[in-house]
Amino acid sequence: MIEFQVEGMSCQHCVGAVTKAIKAIDAHADVQIELSSGIVRVDSDDTPERFGAAISDAGYDVKRVARSA
């Protein structure tokens, strides 16, 4: 599981945009987004760097990345 702290998400449209960006990297990724806290969790074998870049390219600021088991 990869966890990102993302700034700039304020509505369900933002959630959809971030989810779409992640799914473009890995269509089978499990994506969980907590809009109020800005936490984005991705369960995938792909790299955090690729997902972080995709989130940034979608227009959001990635402030922190952590990987958990």
PDB file of N, CA and C in Angstrom:
ATOM      1  N   MET A   1       0.854  -1.173   0.000  1.00  0.00           N
ATOM      2  CA  MET A   1       0.000   0.000   0.000  1.00  0.00           C
ATOM      3  C   MET A   1       0.900   1.237   0.000  1.00  0.00           C
ATOM      4  N   ILE A   2       0.570   2.173  -0.860  1.00  0.00           N
ATOM      5  CA  ILE A   2       1.292   3.438  -0.935  1.00  0.00           C
ATOM      6  C   ILE A   2       0.342   4.524  -0.445  1.00  0.00           C
ATOM      7  N   GLU A   3       0.829   5.398   0.422  1.00  0.00           N
ATOM      8  CA  GLU A   3      -0.003   6.472   0.949  1.00  0.00           C
ATOM      9  C   GLU A   3       0.594   7.818   0.564  1.00  0.00           C
ATOM     10  N   PHE A   4      -0.243   8.677   0.015  1.00  0.00           N
ATOM     11  CA  PHE A   4       0.163  10.021  -0.385  1.00  0.00           C
ATOM     12  C   PHE A   4      -0.603  11.047   0.430  1.00  0.00           C
ATOM     13  N   GLN A   5       0.050  12.139   0.774  1.00  0.00           N
ATOM     14  CA  GLN A   5      -0.633  13.315   1.314  1.00  0.00           C
ATOM     15  C   GLN A   5      -0.748  14.278   0.142  1.00  0.00           C
ATOM     16  N   VAL A   6      -1.970  14.560  -0.269  1.00  0.00           N
ATOM     17  CA  VAL A   6      -2.208  15.361  -1.470  1.00  0.00           C
ATOM     18  C   VAL A   6      -2.955  16.633  -1.085  1.00  0.00           C
ATOM     19  N   GLU A   7      -2.450  17.766  -1.554  1.00  0.00           N
ATOM     20  CA  GLU A   7      -3.114  19.048  -1.315  1.00  0.00           C
ATOM     21  C   GLU A   7      -3.784  19.522  -2.594  1.00  0.00           C
ATOM     22  N   GLY A   8      -4.887  20.228  -2.423  1.00  0.00           N
ATOM     23  CA  GLY A   8      -5.584  20.813  -3.558  1.00  0.00           C
ATOM     24  C   GLY A   8      -6.877  20.112  -3.927  1.00  0.00           C
ATOM     25  N   MET A   9      -7.174  18.987  -3.278  1.00  0.00           N
ATOM     26  CA  MET A   9      -8.438  18.296  -3.542  1.00  0.00           C
ATOM     27  C   MET A   9      -9.517  18.927  -2.672  1.00  0.00           C
ATOM     28  N   SER A  10     -10.639  19.332  -3.314  1.00  0.00           N
ATOM     29  CA  SER A  10     -11.676  19.999  -2.535  1.00  0.00           C
ATOM     30  C   SER A  10     -13.085  19.473  -2.795  1.00  0.00           C
ATOM     31  N   CYS A  11     -13.231  18.558  -3.762  1.00  0.00           N
ATOM     32  CA  CYS A  11     -14.578  18.096  -4.101  1.00  0.00           C
ATOM     33  C   CYS A  11     -14.518  16.705  -4.736  1.00  0.00           C
ATOM     34  N   GLN A  12     -15.677  16.164  -5.032  1.00  0.00           N
ATOM     35  CA  GLN A  12     -15.738  14.837  -5.642  1.00  0.00           C
ATOM     36  C   GLN A  12     -15.136  14.826  -7.047  1.00  0.00           C
ATOM     37  N   HIS A  13     -15.188  15.956  -7.746  1.00  0.00           N
ATOM     38  CA  HIS A  13     -14.526  16.039  -9.053  1.00  0.00           C
ATOM     39  C   HIS A  13     -13.028  15.801  -8.889  1.00  0.00           C
ATOM     40  N   CYS A  14     -12.439  16.388  -7.848  1.00  0.00           N
ATOM     41  CA  CYS A  14     -11.010  16.191  -7.568  1.00  0.00           C
ATOM     42  C   CYS A  14     -10.718  14.717  -7.289  1.00  0.00           C
ATOM     43  N   VAL A  15     -11.571  14.088  -6.512  1.00  0.00           N
ATOM     44  CA  VAL A  15     -11.416  12.660  -6.212  1.00  0.00           C
ATOM     45  C   VAL A  15     -11.431  11.862  -7.513  1.00  0.00           C
ATOM     46  N   GLY A  16     -12.350  12.187  -8.392  1.00  0.00           N
ATOM     47  CA  GLY A  16     -12.429  11.503  -9.674  1.00  0.00           C
ATOM     48  C   GLY A  16     -11.195  11.721 -10.531  1.00  0.00           C
ATOM     49  N   ALA A  17     -10.673  12.946 -10.532  1.00  0.00           N
ATOM     50  CA  ALA A  17      -9.486  13.258 -11.332  1.00  0.00           C
ATOM     51  C   ALA A  17      -8.262  12.502 -10.826  1.00  0.00           C
ATOM     52  N   VAL A  18      -8.096  12.433  -9.505  1.00  0.00           N
ATOM     53  CA  VAL A  18      -6.959  11.714  -8.929  1.00  0.00           C
ATOM     54  C   VAL A  18      -7.107  10.213  -9.182  1.00  0.00           C
ATOM     55  N   THR A  19      -8.304   9.694  -8.997  1.00  0.00           N
ATOM     56  CA  THR A  19      -8.548   8.273  -9.256  1.00  0.00           C
ATOM     57  C   THR A  19      -8.257   7.937 -10.715  1.00  0.00           C
ATOM     58  N   LYS A  20      -8.716   8.769 -11.628  1.00  0.00           N
ATOM     59  CA  LYS A  20      -8.480   8.546 -13.057  1.00  0.00           C
ATOM     60  C   LYS A  20      -6.986   8.556 -13.378  1.00  0.00           C
ATOM     61  N   ALA A  21      -6.243   9.485 -12.771  1.00  0.00           N
ATOM     62  CA  ALA A  21      -4.796   9.565 -13.005  1.00  0.00           C
ATOM     63  C   ALA A  21      -4.095   8.294 -12.530  1.00  0.00           C
ATOM     64  N   ILE A  22      -4.509   7.790 -11.368  1.00  0.00           N
ATOM     65  CA  ILE A  22      -3.908   6.568 -10.822  1.00  0.00           C
ATOM     66  C   ILE A  22      -4.281   5.360 -11.679  1.00  0.00           C
ATOM     67  N   LYS A  23      -5.548   5.267 -12.065  1.00  0.00           N
ATOM     68  CA  LYS A  23      -6.012   4.129 -12.865  1.00  0.00           C
ATOM     69  C   LYS A  23      -5.375   4.121 -14.254  1.00  0.00           C
ATOM     70  N   ALA A  24      -4.919   5.277 -14.737  1.00  0.00           N
ATOM     71  CA  ALA A  24      -4.224   5.325 -16.027  1.00  0.00           C
ATOM     72  C   ALA A  24      -2.872   4.620 -15.936  1.00  0.00           C
ATOM     73  N   ILE A  25      -2.296   4.576 -14.742  1.00  0.00           N
ATOM     74  CA  ILE A  25      -1.027   3.876 -14.509  1.00  0.00           C
ATOM     75  C   ILE A  25      -1.283   2.388 -14.283  1.00  0.00           C
ATOM     76  N   ASP A  26      -2.275   2.081 -13.431  1.00  0.00           N
ATOM     77  CA  ASP A  26      -2.607   0.692 -13.109  1.00  0.00           C
ATOM     78  C   ASP A  26      -4.125   0.578 -12.991  1.00  0.00           C
ATOM     79  N   ALA A  27      -4.742   0.070 -14.037  1.00  0.00           N
ATOM     80  CA  ALA A  27      -6.204  -0.023 -14.081  1.00  0.00           C
ATOM     81  C   ALA A  27      -6.778  -0.893 -12.971  1.00  0.00           C
ATOM     82  N   HIS A  28      -5.960  -1.775 -12.397  1.00  0.00           N
ATOM     83  CA  HIS A  28      -6.433  -2.692 -11.362  1.00  0.00           C
ATOM     84  C   HIS A  28      -6.085  -2.225  -9.948  1.00  0.00           C
ATOM     85  N   ALA A  29      -5.489  -1.052  -9.830  1.00  0.00           N
ATOM     86  CA  ALA A  29      -5.108  -0.537  -8.506  1.00  0.00           C
ATOM     87  C   ALA A  29      -6.352  -0.293  -7.660  1.00  0.00           C
ATOM     88  N   ASP A  30      -6.237  -0.589  -6.374  1.00  0.00           N
ATOM     89  CA  ASP A  30      -7.286  -0.267  -5.415  1.00  0.00           C
ATOM     90  C   ASP A  30      -6.971   1.130  -4.889  1.00  0.00           C
ATOM     91  N   VAL A  31      -7.877   2.078  -5.096  1.00  0.00           N
ATOM     92  CA  VAL A  31      -7.649   3.473  -4.720  1.00  0.00           C
ATOM     93  C   VAL A  31      -8.646   3.861  -3.640  1.00  0.00           C
ATOM     94  N   GLN A  32      -8.136   4.411  -2.538  1.00  0.00           N
ATOM     95  CA  GLN A  32      -8.974   4.914  -1.448  1.00  0.00           C
ATOM     96  C   GLN A  32      -8.572   6.364  -1.207  1.00  0.00           C
ATOM     97  N   ILE A  33      -9.555   7.268  -1.209  1.00  0.00           N
ATOM     98  CA  ILE A  33      -9.262   8.684  -1.023  1.00  0.00           C
ATOM     99  C   ILE A  33     -10.117   9.231   0.106  1.00  0.00           C
ATOM    100  N   GLU A  34      -9.454   9.870   1.075  1.00  0.00           N
ATOM    101  CA  GLU A  34     -10.133  10.577   2.159  1.00  0.00           C
ATOM    102  C   GLU A  34     -10.045  12.060   1.824  1.00  0.00           C
ATOM    103  N   LEU A  35     -11.119  12.600   1.282  1.00  0.00           N
ATOM    104  CA  LEU A  35     -11.121  13.982   0.815  1.00  0.00           C
ATOM    105  C   LEU A  35     -10.818  14.976   1.930  1.00  0.00           C
ATOM    106  N   SER A  36     -11.395  14.773   3.103  1.00  0.00           N
ATOM    107  CA  SER A  36     -11.225  15.736   4.199  1.00  0.00           C
ATOM    108  C   SER A  36      -9.787  15.854   4.677  1.00  0.00           C
ATOM    109  N   SER A  37      -9.038  14.753   4.629  1.00  0.00           N
ATOM    110  CA  SER A  37      -7.652  14.778   5.110  1.00  0.00           C
ATOM    111  C   SER A  37      -6.629  14.861   3.977  1.00  0.00           C
ATOM    112  N   GLY A  38      -7.074  14.623   2.748  1.00  0.00           N
ATOM    113  CA  GLY A  38      -6.151  14.644   1.617  1.00  0.00           C
ATOM    114  C   GLY A  38      -5.299  13.398   1.497  1.00  0.00           C
ATOM    115  N   ILE A  39      -5.720  12.325   2.163  1.00  0.00           N
ATOM    116  CA  ILE A  39      -4.960  11.079   2.111  1.00  0.00           C
ATOM    117  C   ILE A  39      -5.436  10.243   0.922  1.00  0.00           C
ATOM    118  N   VAL A  40      -4.476   9.799   0.127  1.00  0.00           N
ATOM    119  CA  VAL A  40      -4.752   8.924  -1.012  1.00  0.00           C
ATOM    120  C   VAL A  40      -3.962   7.640  -0.792  1.00  0.00           C
ATOM    121  N   ARG A  41      -4.660   6.510  -0.757  1.00  0.00           N
ATOM    122  CA  ARG A  41      -4.005   5.208  -0.591  1.00  0.00           C
ATOM    123  C   ARG A  41      -4.171   4.402  -1.876  1.00  0.00           C
ATOM    124  N   VAL A  42      -3.066   3.823  -2.308  1.00  0.00           N
ATOM    125  CA  VAL A  42      -3.074   3.037  -3.540  1.00  0.00           C
ATOM    126  C   VAL A  42      -2.469   1.671  -3.246  1.00  0.00           C
ATOM    127  N   ASP A  43      -3.217   0.623  -3.560  1.00  0.00           N
ATOM    128  CA  ASP A  43      -2.705  -0.739  -3.426  1.00  0.00           C
ATOM    129  C   ASP A  43      -2.345  -1.219  -4.826  1.00  0.00           C
ATOM    130  N   SER A  44      -1.043  -1.258  -5.102  1.00  0.00           N
ATOM    131  CA  SER A  44      -0.541  -1.633  -6.422  1.00  0.00           C
ATOM    132  C   SER A  44       0.919  -2.024  -6.296  1.00  0.00           C
ATOM    133  N   ASP A  45       1.400  -2.782  -7.258  1.00  0.00           N
ATOM    134  CA  ASP A  45       2.816  -3.140  -7.298  1.00  0.00           C
ATOM    135  C   ASP A  45       3.643  -2.121  -8.061  1.00  0.00           C
ATOM    136  N   ASP A  46       2.990  -1.118  -8.649  1.00  0.00           N
ATOM    137  CA  ASP A  46       3.732  -0.101  -9.392  1.00  0.00           C
ATOM    138  C   ASP A  46       4.449   0.832  -8.416  1.00  0.00           C
ATOM    139  N   THR A  47       5.275   1.721  -8.930  1.00  0.00           N
ATOM    140  CA  THR A  47       6.121   2.546  -8.065  1.00  0.00           C
ATOM    141  C   THR A  47       5.410   3.802  -7.575  1.00  0.00           C
ATOM    142  N   PRO A  48       5.731   4.231  -6.355  1.00  0.00           N
ATOM    143  CA  PRO A  48       5.167   5.477  -5.835  1.00  0.00           C
ATOM    144  C   PRO A  48       5.501   6.667  -6.726  1.00  0.00           C
ATOM    145  N   GLU A  49       6.680   6.652  -7.332  1.00  0.00           N
ATOM    146  CA  GLU A  49       7.097   7.765  -8.177  1.00  0.00           C
ATOM    147  C   GLU A  49       6.158   7.953  -9.366  1.00  0.00           C
ATOM    148  N   ARG A  50       5.755   6.858  -9.978  1.00  0.00           N
ATOM    149  CA  ARG A  50       4.841   6.954 -11.130  1.00  0.00           C
ATOM    150  C   ARG A  50       3.480   7.496 -10.714  1.00  0.00           C
ATOM    151  N   PHE A  51       2.964   7.018  -9.583  1.00  0.00           N
ATOM    152  CA  PHE A  51       1.668   7.516  -9.121  1.00  0.00           C
ATOM    153  C   PHE A  51       1.769   8.975  -8.688  1.00  0.00           C
ATOM    154  N   GLY A  52       2.846   9.317  -7.983  1.00  0.00           N
ATOM    155  CA  GLY A  52       3.040  10.701  -7.555  1.00  0.00           C
ATOM    156  C   GLY A  52       3.103  11.649  -8.734  1.00  0.00           C
ATOM    157  N   ALA A  53       3.816  11.253  -9.783  1.00  0.00           N
ATOM    158  CA  ALA A  53       3.911  12.077 -10.988  1.00  0.00           C
ATOM    159  C   ALA A  53       2.542  12.226 -11.652  1.00  0.00           C
ATOM    160  N   ALA A  54       1.768  11.152 -11.684  1.00  0.00           N
ATOM    161  CA  ALA A  54       0.438  11.206 -12.294  1.00  0.00           C
ATOM    162  C   ALA A  54      -0.487  12.134 -11.515  1.00  0.00           C
ATOM    163  N   ILE A  55      -0.416  12.085 -10.189  1.00  0.00           N
ATOM    164  CA  ILE A  55      -1.230  12.971  -9.356  1.00  0.00           C
ATOM    165  C   ILE A  55      -0.810  14.420  -9.582  1.00  0.00           C
ATOM    166  N   SER A  56       0.482  14.663  -9.628  1.00  0.00           N
ATOM    167  CA  SER A  56       0.994  16.019  -9.887  1.00  0.00           C
ATOM    168  C   SER A  56       0.555  16.510 -11.264  1.00  0.00           C
ATOM    169  N   ASP A  57       0.657  15.643 -12.262  1.00  0.00           N
ATOM    170  CA  ASP A  57       0.249  16.013 -13.623  1.00  0.00           C
ATOM    171  C   ASP A  57      -1.240  16.339 -13.700  1.00  0.00           C
ATOM    172  N   ALA A  58      -2.028  15.764 -12.787  1.00  0.00           N
ATOM    173  CA  ALA A  58      -3.462  16.049 -12.740  1.00  0.00           C
ATOM    174  C   ALA A  58      -3.747  17.394 -12.067  1.00  0.00           C
ATOM    175  N   GLY A  59      -2.697  18.035 -11.521  1.00  0.00           N
ATOM    176  CA  GLY A  59      -2.855  19.372 -10.960  1.00  0.00           C
ATOM    177  C   GLY A  59      -2.877  19.456  -9.450  1.00  0.00           C
ATOM    178  N   TYR A  60      -2.434  18.416  -8.767  1.00  0.00           N
ATOM    179  CA  TYR A  60      -2.464  18.394  -7.311  1.00  0.00           C
ATOM    180  C   TYR A  60      -1.049  18.293  -6.751  1.00  0.00           C
ATOM    181  N   ASP A  61      -0.869  18.789  -5.530  1.00  0.00           N
ATOM    182  CA  ASP A  61       0.449  18.793  -4.890  1.00  0.00           C
ATOM    183  C   ASP A  61       0.603  17.574  -3.992  1.00  0.00           C
ATOM    184  N   VAL A  62       1.608  16.756  -4.279  1.00  0.00           N
ATOM    185  CA  VAL A  62       1.917  15.597  -3.449  1.00  0.00           C
ATOM    186  C   VAL A  62       2.935  16.042  -2.415  1.00  0.00           C
ATOM    187  N   LYS A  63       2.554  16.018  -1.142  1.00  0.00           N
ATOM    188  CA  LYS A  63       3.413  16.524  -0.072  1.00  0.00           C
ATOM    189  C   LYS A  63       4.180  15.435   0.661  1.00  0.00           C
ATOM    190  N   ARG A  64       3.651  14.226   0.674  1.00  0.00           N
ATOM    191  CA  ARG A  64       4.295  13.155   1.429  1.00  0.00           C
ATOM    192  C   ARG A  64       3.924  11.822   0.804  1.00  0.00           C
ATOM    193  N   VAL A  65       4.891  10.924   0.816  1.00  0.00           N
ATOM    194  CA  VAL A  65       4.658   9.580   0.293  1.00  0.00           C
ATOM    195  C   VAL A  65       5.184   8.581   1.313  1.00  0.00           C
ATOM    196  N   ALA A  66       4.400   7.561   1.605  1.00  0.00           N
ATOM    197  CA  ALA A  66       4.838   6.500   2.518  1.00  0.00           C
ATOM    198  C   ALA A  66       4.388   5.166   1.938  1.00  0.00           C
ATOM    199  N   ARG A  67       5.146   4.146   2.218  1.00  0.00           N
ATOM    200  CA  ARG A  67       4.769   2.792   1.781  1.00  0.00           C
ATOM    201  C   ARG A  67       4.586   1.940   3.033  1.00  0.00           C
ATOM    202  N   SER A  68       3.477   1.209   3.066  1.00  0.00           N
ATOM    203  CA  SER A  68       3.227   0.316   4.196  1.00  0.00           C
ATOM    204  C   SER A  68       2.974  -1.083   3.665  1.00  0.00           C
ATOM    205  N   ALA A  69       3.061  -2.041   4.559  1.00  0.00           N
ATOM    206  CA  ALA A  69       2.884  -3.446   4.159  1.00  0.00           C
ATOM    207  C   ALA A  69       1.444  -3.763   3.884  1.00  0.00           C
TER     208      ALA A  69
END
